[in-house]
Amino acid sequence: MVKAFLISIASLTLLLSEDSFMLYKSGGKKLLEQEMSNPSYWSGSLLKKDLRFGYFERALSLLTVNKDKGLLELYTPDSQKRFSLKKKYSALTGKNAGDKKREGDLKTPIGIYTFTEKKKTVDQFYGPMAFVTSYPNLYDKIRGKSGDGIWVHGVPLNGSRDPFTRGCVAINNDDLLQLDKNINLSNTLLIIDSSLKQGVSSNVYSIILAGLYQWKSSWINNDIDTYLSFYDPTFKRSDDMSFNQFKSYKERIFAKNENKTISFNEINIIPYPGEARNLFLVTFYQIYSSDSYQSKGDKALLIRINKDQAISIITED
């Protein structure tokens, strides 16, 4: 009798497990994503997050440059994606203060950059090597900023140099060699600002994450009006497509009324440095599949939090 009872319990547990799995497949995932579109869904989990530099699902090393203090700092994440300071380096930056706007203005740009290359052979003026940054980035380009060749490099192997650069970030050669050993360039972000900013409230990240899933939901459901409401009237895509051009393009696609699935993974949200407030770089790995088109790859959005606590997309790539 006991054995039969235990078998019945085991069968019921298996049945419930299978039902839960089928529920997830048939509608549970949709219900979960509906919950993720609500800021309150995120508020509890964010309390445990290290949000000093942003919200990170993908672990990245961070190099931060404080131009006012002439300081470059390396932060690395642990298994919980909590950042610890590993090293401070004295750094030289551009002769002139402020954000770089054009080639030859002797200013170090303010922004968020990746590294595109490590130059192992450079003129002796730049030390033993140089790390090439992604300046001009997406936001720089839509604002018409010019110039290139912004590096993190060393100091002359022979002779001396001025206590400033033409726009690059320069550190001592021994420090540069040490830094090279401590980072993976493909998994490192460079954040340059005039000075460090105050941390952002976890409520703001809740709003952004919920807004991101609201935007995705409207996209999946072919709700063109709601989808376009997430885009700022000043929107310009990375290929210079204006908002009106983008609107017409998306209206044609949404008119097909295709079935589609979209997933976001490894979401990172980073407050954008500089004078602008409520501006954030959002990156993630996107997998898109519709009746006629499939794609996957890295996606970047620059978004603003509006007065009504909604996200507004300024540009995307």
C-alpha atoms as a PDB file:
ATOM      1  CA  MET A   1       0.000   0.000   0.000  1.00  0.00           C
ATOM      2  CA  VAL A   2       2.782   2.381   0.956  1.00  0.00           C
ATOM      3  CA  LYS A   3       4.726   1.406  -2.150  1.00  0.00           C
ATOM      4  CA  ALA A   4       1.681   2.014  -4.351  1.00  0.00           C
ATOM      5  CA  PHE A   5       1.162   5.391  -2.652  1.00  0.00           C
ATOM      6  CA  LEU A   6       4.769   6.398  -3.264  1.00  0.00           C
ATOM      7  CA  ILE A   7       4.512   5.337  -6.903  1.00  0.00           C
ATOM      8  CA  SER A   8       1.363   7.468  -7.243  1.00  0.00           C
ATOM      9  CA  ILE A   9       3.120  10.471  -5.690  1.00  0.00           C
ATOM     10  CA  ALA A  10       6.106   9.998  -8.002  1.00  0.00           C
ATOM     11  CA  SER A  11       3.821   9.743 -11.026  1.00  0.00           C
ATOM     12  CA  LEU A  12       1.914  12.855  -9.970  1.00  0.00           C
ATOM     13  CA  THR A  13       5.197  14.770  -9.477  1.00  0.00           C
ATOM     14  CA  LEU A  14       6.373  13.719 -12.926  1.00  0.00           C
ATOM     15  CA  LEU A  15       3.037  14.696 -14.411  1.00  0.00           C
ATOM     16  CA  LEU A  16       3.139  18.102 -12.752  1.00  0.00           C
ATOM     17  CA  SER A  17       6.711  18.572 -13.941  1.00  0.00           C
ATOM     18  CA  GLU A  18       5.703  17.691 -17.495  1.00  0.00           C
ATOM     19  CA  ASP A  19       2.670  19.976 -17.246  1.00  0.00           C
ATOM     20  CA  SER A  20       4.899  22.824 -16.033  1.00  0.00           C
ATOM     21  CA  PHE A  21       7.257  22.231 -18.925  1.00  0.00           C
ATOM     22  CA  MET A  22       4.371  22.208 -21.408  1.00  0.00           C
ATOM     23  CA  LEU A  23       2.950  25.336 -19.787  1.00  0.00           C
ATOM     24  CA  TYR A  24       6.311  27.062 -20.236  1.00  0.00           C
ATOM     25  CA  LYS A  25       6.459  25.963 -23.866  1.00  0.00           C
ATOM     26  CA  SER A  26       2.847  26.874 -24.631  1.00  0.00           C
ATOM     27  CA  GLY A  27       2.478  30.082 -22.708  1.00  0.00           C
ATOM     28  CA  GLY A  28       4.646  30.255 -19.652  1.00  0.00           C
ATOM     29  CA  LYS A  29       7.514  31.893 -21.509  1.00  0.00           C
ATOM     30  CA  LYS A  30       5.135  34.527 -22.831  1.00  0.00           C
ATOM     31  CA  LEU A  31       3.791  35.131 -19.323  1.00  0.00           C
ATOM     32  CA  LEU A  32       7.336  35.425 -17.983  1.00  0.00           C
ATOM     33  CA  GLU A  33       8.235  37.995 -20.627  1.00  0.00           C
ATOM     34  CA  GLN A  34       5.101  39.932 -19.745  1.00  0.00           C
ATOM     35  CA  GLU A  35       6.349  40.041 -16.164  1.00  0.00           C
ATOM     36  CA  MET A  36       9.760  41.184 -17.399  1.00  0.00           C
ATOM     37  CA  SER A  37       8.034  44.157 -19.026  1.00  0.00           C
ATOM     38  CA  ASN A  38       7.144  45.437 -15.554  1.00  0.00           C
ATOM     39  CA  PRO A  39       9.797  47.413 -13.618  1.00  0.00           C
ATOM     40  CA  SER A  40       8.725  45.726 -10.376  1.00  0.00           C
ATOM     41  CA  TYR A  41       9.925  42.382 -11.772  1.00  0.00           C
ATOM     42  CA  TRP A  42      13.511  43.649 -11.745  1.00  0.00           C
ATOM     43  CA  SER A  43      13.588  45.689  -8.555  1.00  0.00           C
ATOM     44  CA  GLY A  44      14.324  42.826  -6.155  1.00  0.00           C
ATOM     45  CA  SER A  45      17.124  41.194  -8.130  1.00  0.00           C
ATOM     46  CA  LEU A  46      18.832  44.526  -8.789  1.00  0.00           C
ATOM     47  CA  LEU A  47      19.355  45.115  -5.075  1.00  0.00           C
ATOM     48  CA  LYS A  48      22.006  42.368  -5.156  1.00  0.00           C
ATOM     49  CA  LYS A  49      23.799  43.778  -8.202  1.00  0.00           C
ATOM     50  CA  ASP A  50      26.965  45.864  -8.300  1.00  0.00           C
ATOM     51  CA  LEU A  51      25.602  48.890 -10.193  1.00  0.00           C
ATOM     52  CA  ARG A  52      28.494  51.311  -9.658  1.00  0.00           C
ATOM     53  CA  PHE A  53      29.393  51.229 -13.351  1.00  0.00           C
ATOM     54  CA  GLY A  54      26.146  49.922 -14.800  1.00  0.00           C
ATOM     55  CA  TYR A  55      24.125  46.736 -15.142  1.00  0.00           C
ATOM     56  CA  PHE A  56      26.132  43.811 -16.518  1.00  0.00           C
ATOM     57  CA  GLU A  57      24.966  40.350 -17.540  1.00  0.00           C
ATOM     58  CA  ARG A  58      28.139  39.788 -19.525  1.00  0.00           C
ATOM     59  CA  ALA A  59      31.330  39.946 -17.480  1.00  0.00           C
ATOM     60  CA  LEU A  60      33.718  42.595 -18.798  1.00  0.00           C
ATOM     61  CA  SER A  61      36.889  44.205 -17.532  1.00  0.00           C
ATOM     62  CA  LEU A  62      36.575  47.976 -17.257  1.00  0.00           C
ATOM     63  CA  LEU A  63      39.211  50.614 -17.878  1.00  0.00           C
ATOM     64  CA  THR A  64      38.063  53.994 -16.599  1.00  0.00           C
ATOM     65  CA  VAL A  65      39.817  57.262 -17.381  1.00  0.00           C
ATOM     66  CA  ASN A  66      39.338  60.290 -15.139  1.00  0.00           C
ATOM     67  CA  LYS A  67      40.712  63.145 -17.255  1.00  0.00           C
ATOM     68  CA  ASP A  68      40.600  65.720 -14.457  1.00  0.00           C
ATOM     69  CA  LYS A  69      42.761  63.566 -12.189  1.00  0.00           C
ATOM     70  CA  GLY A  70      44.946  62.082 -14.924  1.00  0.00           C
ATOM     71  CA  LEU A  71      44.078  58.588 -13.781  1.00  0.00           C
ATOM     72  CA  LEU A  72      43.414  55.266 -15.512  1.00  0.00           C
ATOM     73  CA  GLU A  73      41.933  52.475 -13.362  1.00  0.00           C
ATOM     74  CA  LEU A  74      41.439  48.789 -14.093  1.00  0.00           C
ATOM     75  CA  TYR A  75      38.411  47.019 -12.609  1.00  0.00           C
ATOM     76  CA  THR A  76      37.784  43.303 -13.053  1.00  0.00           C
ATOM     77  CA  PRO A  77      34.629  41.313 -12.207  1.00  0.00           C
ATOM     78  CA  ASP A  78      34.337  38.268  -9.987  1.00  0.00           C
ATOM     79  CA  SER A  79      31.966  35.341 -10.586  1.00  0.00           C
ATOM     80  CA  GLN A  80      29.084  37.486  -9.302  1.00  0.00           C
ATOM     81  CA  LYS A  81      30.047  40.306 -11.699  1.00  0.00           C
ATOM     82  CA  ARG A  82      31.050  42.538  -8.783  1.00  0.00           C
ATOM     83  CA  PHE A  83      33.921  44.834  -9.721  1.00  0.00           C
ATOM     84  CA  SER A  84      37.105  45.273  -7.761  1.00  0.00           C
ATOM     85  CA  LEU A  85      39.878  47.767  -8.404  1.00  0.00           C
ATOM     86  CA  LYS A  86      42.989  45.928  -9.603  1.00  0.00           C
ATOM     87  CA  LYS A  87      45.330  48.753 -10.504  1.00  0.00           C
ATOM     88  CA  LYS A  88      45.643  52.534 -10.760  1.00  0.00           C
ATOM     89  CA  TYR A  89      47.852  54.155 -13.376  1.00  0.00           C
ATOM     90  CA  SER A  90      48.868  57.772 -13.815  1.00  0.00           C
ATOM     91  CA  ALA A  91      47.699  58.826 -17.272  1.00  0.00           C
ATOM     92  CA  LEU A  92      48.251  61.670 -19.731  1.00  0.00           C
ATOM     93  CA  THR A  93      45.330  62.877 -21.840  1.00  0.00           C
ATOM     94  CA  GLY A  94      44.723  65.600 -24.418  1.00  0.00           C
ATOM     95  CA  LYS A  95      46.187  69.075 -24.029  1.00  0.00           C
ATOM     96  CA  ASN A  96      42.756  70.716 -24.167  1.00  0.00           C
ATOM     97  CA  ALA A  97      39.855  70.010 -21.810  1.00  0.00           C
ATOM     98  CA  GLY A  98      36.403  68.881 -22.877  1.00  0.00           C
ATOM     99  CA  ASP A  99      35.038  66.314 -25.298  1.00  0.00           C
ATOM    100  CA  LYS A 100      36.713  65.723 -28.635  1.00  0.00           C
ATOM    101  CA  LYS A 101      34.674  67.112 -31.543  1.00  0.00           C
ATOM    102  CA  ARG A 102      36.991  67.296 -34.513  1.00  0.00           C
ATOM    103  CA  GLU A 103      40.351  66.104 -35.733  1.00  0.00           C
ATOM    104  CA  GLY A 104      43.244  68.120 -34.388  1.00  0.00           C
ATOM    105  CA  ASP A 105      41.422  69.745 -31.442  1.00  0.00           C
ATOM    106  CA  LEU A 106      43.899  68.106 -28.993  1.00  0.00           C
ATOM    107  CA  LYS A 107      41.048  66.696 -26.858  1.00  0.00           C
ATOM    108  CA  THR A 108      40.571  63.185 -25.540  1.00  0.00           C
ATOM    109  CA  PRO A 109      37.043  61.976 -26.354  1.00  0.00           C
ATOM    110  CA  ILE A 110      34.443  61.357 -23.673  1.00  0.00           C
ATOM    111  CA  GLY A 111      32.498  58.155 -24.159  1.00  0.00           C
ATOM    112  CA  ILE A 112      32.403  54.367 -24.035  1.00  0.00           C
ATOM    113  CA  TYR A 113      34.755  52.497 -26.338  1.00  0.00           C
ATOM    114  CA  THR A 114      35.929  49.021 -27.193  1.00  0.00           C
ATOM    115  CA  PHE A 115      39.379  48.055 -28.407  1.00  0.00           C
ATOM    116  CA  THR A 116      39.691  47.104 -32.059  1.00  0.00           C
ATOM    117  CA  GLU A 117      43.377  46.177 -32.311  1.00  0.00           C
ATOM    118  CA  LYS A 118      46.652  45.799 -30.453  1.00  0.00           C
ATOM    119  CA  LYS A 119      49.536  47.355 -32.363  1.00  0.00           C
ATOM    120  CA  LYS A 120      52.678  45.469 -31.412  1.00  0.00           C
ATOM    121  CA  THR A 121      54.912  47.607 -33.616  1.00  0.00           C
ATOM    122  CA  VAL A 122      54.604  51.381 -33.320  1.00  0.00           C
ATOM    123  CA  ASP A 123      56.837  54.426 -33.617  1.00  0.00           C
ATOM    124  CA  GLN A 124      59.109  54.657 -30.549  1.00  0.00           C
ATOM    125  CA  PHE A 125      57.270  57.852 -29.565  1.00  0.00           C
ATOM    126  CA  TYR A 126      54.280  55.694 -28.514  1.00  0.00           C
ATOM    127  CA  GLY A 127      56.285  53.265 -26.400  1.00  0.00           C
ATOM    128  CA  PRO A 128      56.331  49.481 -26.808  1.00  0.00           C
ATOM    129  CA  MET A 129      52.786  49.038 -28.149  1.00  0.00           C
ATOM    130  CA  ALA A 130      49.357  50.645 -28.473  1.00  0.00           C
ATOM    131  CA  PHE A 131      45.725  49.638 -28.013  1.00  0.00           C
ATOM    132  CA  VAL A 132      43.476  51.107 -30.719  1.00  0.00           C
ATOM    133  CA  THR A 133      40.052  52.309 -29.530  1.00  0.00           C
ATOM    134  CA  SER A 134      36.748  52.350 -31.434  1.00  0.00           C
ATOM    135  CA  TYR A 135      36.586  56.162 -31.560  1.00  0.00           C
ATOM    136  CA  PRO A 136      34.472  57.476 -33.238  1.00  0.00           C
ATOM    137  CA  ASN A 137      31.775  55.222 -31.776  1.00  0.00           C
ATOM    138  CA  LEU A 138      28.098  55.063 -32.723  1.00  0.00           C
ATOM    139  CA  TYR A 139      27.115  58.140 -30.705  1.00  0.00           C
ATOM    140  CA  ASP A 140      30.153  60.095 -31.922  1.00  0.00           C
ATOM    141  CA  LYS A 141      29.223  59.427 -35.559  1.00  0.00           C
ATOM    142  CA  ILE A 142      25.615  60.595 -35.357  1.00  0.00           C
ATOM    143  CA  ARG A 143      26.848  63.812 -33.735  1.00  0.00           C
ATOM    144  CA  GLY A 144      29.273  64.403 -36.607  1.00  0.00           C
ATOM    145  CA  LYS A 145      32.454  64.114 -34.560  1.00  0.00           C
ATOM    146  CA  SER A 146      35.583  63.664 -36.647  1.00  0.00           C
ATOM    147  CA  GLY A 147      39.083  62.317 -36.208  1.00  0.00           C
ATOM    148  CA  ASP A 148      40.414  58.858 -35.445  1.00  0.00           C
ATOM    149  CA  GLY A 149      43.542  57.142 -34.138  1.00  0.00           C
ATOM    150  CA  ILE A 150      42.680  57.440 -30.447  1.00  0.00           C
ATOM    151  CA  TRP A 151      44.949  54.946 -28.677  1.00  0.00           C
ATOM    152  CA  VAL A 152      45.997  53.876 -25.235  1.00  0.00           C
ATOM    153  CA  HIS A 153      49.782  53.836 -25.580  1.00  0.00           C
ATOM    154  CA  GLY A 154      53.079  54.303 -23.767  1.00  0.00           C
ATOM    155  CA  VAL A 155      55.669  57.083 -23.662  1.00  0.00           C
ATOM    156  CA  PRO A 156      58.763  57.528 -25.862  1.00  0.00           C
ATOM    157  CA  LEU A 157      61.373  54.810 -25.596  1.00  0.00           C
ATOM    158  CA  ASN A 158      64.007  57.495 -26.136  1.00  0.00           C
ATOM    159  CA  GLY A 159      63.783  61.101 -25.000  1.00  0.00           C
ATOM    160  CA  SER A 160      61.021  62.954 -23.207  1.00  0.00           C
ATOM    161  CA  ARG A 161      57.581  64.215 -24.121  1.00  0.00           C
ATOM    162  CA  ASP A 162      55.089  66.934 -23.174  1.00  0.00           C
ATOM    163  CA  PRO A 163      52.851  66.303 -20.142  1.00  0.00           C
ATOM    164  CA  PHE A 164      49.819  65.871 -22.411  1.00  0.00           C
ATOM    165  CA  THR A 165      48.792  64.057 -25.606  1.00  0.00           C
ATOM    166  CA  ARG A 166      47.096  65.041 -28.850  1.00  0.00           C
ATOM    167  CA  GLY A 167      43.973  63.161 -27.739  1.00  0.00           C
ATOM    168  CA  CYS A 168      45.184  59.682 -26.789  1.00  0.00           C
ATOM    169  CA  VAL A 169      45.608  58.197 -23.313  1.00  0.00           C
ATOM    170  CA  ALA A 170      49.265  57.560 -22.414  1.00  0.00           C
ATOM    171  CA  ILE A 171      50.679  55.642 -19.448  1.00  0.00           C
ATOM    172  CA  ASN A 172      54.188  54.591 -18.441  1.00  0.00           C
ATOM    173  CA  ASN A 173      55.670  51.797 -20.509  1.00  0.00           C
ATOM    174  CA  ASP A 174      56.026  49.341 -17.623  1.00  0.00           C
ATOM    175  CA  ASP A 175      52.412  50.008 -16.704  1.00  0.00           C
ATOM    176  CA  LEU A 176      51.334  49.432 -20.303  1.00  0.00           C
ATOM    177  CA  LEU A 177      53.137  46.085 -20.435  1.00  0.00           C
ATOM    178  CA  GLN A 178      51.560  45.070 -17.137  1.00  0.00           C
ATOM    179  CA  LEU A 179      48.128  46.156 -18.346  1.00  0.00           C
ATOM    180  CA  ASP A 180      48.562  44.088 -21.492  1.00  0.00           C
ATOM    181  CA  LYS A 181      49.056  40.986 -19.336  1.00  0.00           C
ATOM    182  CA  ASN A 182      46.007  41.717 -17.176  1.00  0.00           C
ATOM    183  CA  ILE A 183      43.302  42.291 -19.784  1.00  0.00           C
ATOM    184  CA  ASN A 184      41.745  40.622 -22.791  1.00  0.00           C
ATOM    185  CA  LEU A 185      41.186  43.472 -25.240  1.00  0.00           C
ATOM    186  CA  SER A 186      38.183  41.787 -26.839  1.00  0.00           C
ATOM    187  CA  ASN A 187      36.459  41.647 -23.449  1.00  0.00           C
ATOM    188  CA  THR A 188      37.334  45.093 -22.085  1.00  0.00           C
ATOM    189  CA  LEU A 189      35.445  48.398 -22.143  1.00  0.00           C
ATOM    190  CA  LEU A 190      37.112  51.801 -21.967  1.00  0.00           C
ATOM    191  CA  ILE A 191      35.051  54.495 -20.239  1.00  0.00           C
ATOM    192  CA  ILE A 192      36.461  58.025 -20.527  1.00  0.00           C
ATOM    193  CA  ASP A 193      35.036  60.982 -18.644  1.00  0.00           C
ATOM    194  CA  SER A 194      36.177  64.310 -17.258  1.00  0.00           C
ATOM    195  CA  SER A 195      35.479  63.012 -13.749  1.00  0.00           C
ATOM    196  CA  LEU A 196      33.677  60.066 -12.175  1.00  0.00           C
ATOM    197  CA  LYS A 197      29.912  60.437 -11.880  1.00  0.00           C
ATOM    198  CA  GLN A 198      27.580  59.412  -9.069  1.00  0.00           C
ATOM    199  CA  GLY A 199      26.047  55.943  -9.305  1.00  0.00           C
ATOM    200  CA  VAL A 200      22.623  55.508 -10.895  1.00  0.00           C
ATOM    201  CA  SER A 201      19.619  54.340  -8.863  1.00  0.00           C
ATOM    202  CA  SER A 202      18.549  50.712  -9.303  1.00  0.00           C
ATOM    203  CA  ASN A 203      15.063  52.031 -10.152  1.00  0.00           C
ATOM    204  CA  VAL A 204      16.466  53.494 -13.361  1.00  0.00           C
ATOM    205  CA  TYR A 205      17.822  50.115 -14.449  1.00  0.00           C
ATOM    206  CA  SER A 206      14.424  48.560 -13.676  1.00  0.00           C
ATOM    207  CA  ILE A 207      12.794  51.090 -15.999  1.00  0.00           C
ATOM    208  CA  ILE A 208      15.307  50.432 -18.777  1.00  0.00           C
ATOM    209  CA  LEU A 209      15.105  46.628 -18.547  1.00  0.00           C
ATOM    210  CA  ALA A 210      11.304  46.680 -18.482  1.00  0.00           C
ATOM    211  CA  GLY A 211      11.241  49.133 -21.381  1.00  0.00           C
ATOM    212  CA  LEU A 212      13.566  46.896 -23.369  1.00  0.00           C
ATOM    213  CA  TYR A 213      11.156  43.976 -23.014  1.00  0.00           C
ATOM    214  CA  GLN A 214       8.149  46.189 -23.806  1.00  0.00           C
ATOM    215  CA  TRP A 215       9.921  47.252 -27.004  1.00  0.00           C
ATOM    216  CA  LYS A 216      10.662  43.624 -27.864  1.00  0.00           C
ATOM    217  CA  SER A 217       7.050  42.595 -27.206  1.00  0.00           C
ATOM    218  CA  SER A 218       5.714  45.227 -29.611  1.00  0.00           C
ATOM    219  CA  TRP A 219       8.246  44.042 -32.182  1.00  0.00           C
ATOM    220  CA  ILE A 220       7.220  40.373 -31.855  1.00  0.00           C
ATOM    221  CA  ASN A 221       3.509  41.254 -31.975  1.00  0.00           C
ATOM    222  CA  ASN A 222       3.849  43.491 -35.060  1.00  0.00           C
ATOM    223  CA  ASP A 223       2.449  46.438 -33.101  1.00  0.00           C
ATOM    224  CA  ILE A 224       3.989  49.147 -35.272  1.00  0.00           C
ATOM    225  CA  ASP A 225       2.576  52.145 -33.384  1.00  0.00           C
ATOM    226  CA  THR A 226       3.851  50.971 -29.993  1.00  0.00           C
ATOM    227  CA  TYR A 227       7.155  49.879 -31.529  1.00  0.00           C
ATOM    228  CA  LEU A 228       7.810  53.275 -33.121  1.00  0.00           C
ATOM    229  CA  SER A 229       6.800  55.084 -29.914  1.00  0.00           C
ATOM    230  CA  PHE A 230      10.077  53.843 -28.399  1.00  0.00           C
ATOM    231  CA  TYR A 231      12.096  55.861 -30.943  1.00  0.00           C
ATOM    232  CA  ASP A 232      13.059  59.481 -30.405  1.00  0.00           C
ATOM    233  CA  PRO A 233      12.041  61.919 -33.201  1.00  0.00           C
ATOM    234  CA  THR A 234      15.751  62.786 -33.527  1.00  0.00           C
ATOM    235  CA  PHE A 235      16.626  59.092 -34.068  1.00  0.00           C
ATOM    236  CA  LYS A 236      19.359  58.357 -36.588  1.00  0.00           C
ATOM    237  CA  ARG A 237      20.509  54.809 -37.275  1.00  0.00           C
ATOM    238  CA  SER A 238      24.183  53.872 -37.617  1.00  0.00           C
ATOM    239  CA  ASP A 239      23.828  53.975 -41.424  1.00  0.00           C
ATOM    240  CA  ASP A 240      22.449  57.562 -41.222  1.00  0.00           C
ATOM    241  CA  MET A 241      18.835  56.458 -41.772  1.00  0.00           C
ATOM    242  CA  SER A 242      16.605  59.186 -40.322  1.00  0.00           C
ATOM    243  CA  PHE A 243      13.547  58.517 -38.161  1.00  0.00           C
ATOM    244  CA  ASN A 244      11.122  59.077 -41.059  1.00  0.00           C
ATOM    245  CA  GLN A 245      13.103  56.757 -43.327  1.00  0.00           C
ATOM    246  CA  PHE A 246      13.299  54.172 -40.538  1.00  0.00           C
ATOM    247  CA  LYS A 247       9.540  54.515 -39.917  1.00  0.00           C
ATOM    248  CA  SER A 248       8.716  53.838 -43.578  1.00  0.00           C
ATOM    249  CA  TYR A 249      11.115  50.902 -43.672  1.00  0.00           C
ATOM    250  CA  LYS A 250       9.632  49.298 -40.552  1.00  0.00           C
ATOM    251  CA  GLU A 251       6.044  49.900 -41.689  1.00  0.00           C
ATOM    252  CA  ARG A 252       6.746  47.841 -44.808  1.00  0.00           C
ATOM    253  CA  ILE A 253       8.221  45.006 -42.753  1.00  0.00           C
ATOM    254  CA  PHE A 254       5.488  44.998 -40.098  1.00  0.00           C
ATOM    255  CA  ALA A 255       2.816  44.989 -42.830  1.00  0.00           C
ATOM    256  CA  LYS A 256       3.893  41.418 -43.706  1.00  0.00           C
ATOM    257  CA  ASN A 257       2.539  40.383 -40.283  1.00  0.00           C
ATOM    258  CA  GLU A 258       5.098  37.574 -40.022  1.00  0.00           C
ATOM    259  CA  ASN A 259       5.561  35.285 -37.060  1.00  0.00           C
ATOM    260  CA  LYS A 260       8.831  36.005 -35.325  1.00  0.00           C
ATOM    261  CA  THR A 261      10.894  35.108 -32.301  1.00  0.00           C
ATOM    262  CA  ILE A 262      13.438  37.455 -30.726  1.00  0.00           C
ATOM    263  CA  SER A 263      15.739  36.765 -27.814  1.00  0.00           C
ATOM    264  CA  PHE A 264      18.124  39.072 -25.939  1.00  0.00           C
ATOM    265  CA  ASN A 265      21.115  37.661 -24.071  1.00  0.00           C
ATOM    266  CA  GLU A 266      24.017  39.180 -22.123  1.00  0.00           C
ATOM    267  CA  ILE A 267      22.359  42.570 -21.630  1.00  0.00           C
ATOM    268  CA  ASN A 268      24.649  45.362 -20.446  1.00  0.00           C
ATOM    269  CA  ILE A 269      23.452  48.878 -19.540  1.00  0.00           C
ATOM    270  CA  ILE A 270      26.059  51.584 -18.977  1.00  0.00           C
ATOM    271  CA  PRO A 271      25.416  55.229 -18.054  1.00  0.00           C
ATOM    272  CA  TYR A 272      26.921  57.319 -20.825  1.00  0.00           C
ATOM    273  CA  PRO A 273      29.677  59.643 -19.619  1.00  0.00           C
ATOM    274  CA  GLY A 274      29.688  63.361 -20.272  1.00  0.00           C
ATOM    275  CA  GLU A 275      27.346  66.238 -19.568  1.00  0.00           C
ATOM    276  CA  ALA A 276      24.177  64.521 -20.811  1.00  0.00           C
ATOM    277  CA  ARG A 277      22.032  62.977 -18.093  1.00  0.00           C
ATOM    278  CA  ASN A 278      19.697  59.984 -18.364  1.00  0.00           C
ATOM    279  CA  LEU A 279      21.634  58.675 -21.379  1.00  0.00           C
ATOM    280  CA  PHE A 280      22.601  54.981 -21.490  1.00  0.00           C
ATOM    281  CA  LEU A 281      24.393  52.588 -23.796  1.00  0.00           C
ATOM    282  CA  VAL A 282      22.518  49.268 -23.969  1.00  0.00           C
ATOM    283  CA  THR A 283      24.218  46.269 -25.574  1.00  0.00           C
ATOM    284  CA  PHE A 284      23.075  42.659 -25.950  1.00  0.00           C
ATOM    285  CA  TYR A 285      23.340  39.579 -28.142  1.00  0.00           C
ATOM    286  CA  GLN A 286      20.215  39.311 -30.287  1.00  0.00           C
ATOM    287  CA  ILE A 287      18.789  36.264 -32.054  1.00  0.00           C
ATOM    288  CA  TYR A 288      16.033  37.120 -34.544  1.00  0.00           C
ATOM    289  CA  SER A 289      13.945  34.725 -36.594  1.00  0.00           C
ATOM    290  CA  SER A 290      10.901  35.447 -38.775  1.00  0.00           C
ATOM    291  CA  ASP A 291       9.165  33.660 -41.639  1.00  0.00           C
ATOM    292  CA  SER A 292      11.522  35.274 -44.129  1.00  0.00           C
ATOM    293  CA  TYR A 293      14.659  36.323 -42.258  1.00  0.00           C
ATOM    294  CA  GLN A 294      17.075  35.089 -39.587  1.00  0.00           C
ATOM    295  CA  SER A 295      19.975  36.893 -37.936  1.00  0.00           C
ATOM    296  CA  LYS A 296      22.069  36.846 -34.803  1.00  0.00           C
ATOM    297  CA  GLY A 297      24.757  39.107 -33.449  1.00  0.00           C
ATOM    298  CA  ASP A 298      25.644  41.986 -31.147  1.00  0.00           C
ATOM    299  CA  LYS A 299      23.193  44.882 -30.922  1.00  0.00           C
ATOM    300  CA  ALA A 300      23.720  48.351 -29.463  1.00  0.00           C
ATOM    301  CA  LEU A 301      21.162  51.004 -28.541  1.00  0.00           C
ATOM    302  CA  LEU A 302      21.706  54.467 -27.144  1.00  0.00           C
ATOM    303  CA  ILE A 303      18.646  55.334 -25.079  1.00  0.00           C
ATOM    304  CA  ARG A 304      17.374  58.240 -23.021  1.00  0.00           C
ATOM    305  CA  ILE A 305      15.025  58.109 -20.032  1.00  0.00           C
ATOM    306  CA  ASN A 306      12.246  60.630 -20.648  1.00  0.00           C
ATOM    307  CA  LYS A 307      10.371  62.681 -18.067  1.00  0.00           C
ATOM    308  CA  ASP A 308       7.508  60.172 -18.220  1.00  0.00           C
ATOM    309  CA  GLN A 309       9.967  57.436 -17.153  1.00  0.00           C
ATOM    310  CA  ALA A 310       9.897  55.742 -20.574  1.00  0.00           C
ATOM    311  CA  ILE A 311      12.881  54.821 -22.720  1.00  0.00           C
ATOM    312  CA  SER A 312      13.537  56.614 -25.989  1.00  0.00           C
ATOM    313  CA  ILE A 313      15.970  55.163 -28.547  1.00  0.00           C
ATOM    314  CA  ILE A 314      18.364  57.793 -29.942  1.00  0.00           C
ATOM    315  CA  THR A 315      20.360  55.529 -32.237  1.00  0.00           C
ATOM    316  CA  GLU A 316      20.997  51.829 -32.830  1.00  0.00           C
ATOM    317  CA  ASP A 317      23.464  49.556 -34.558  1.00  0.00           C
END
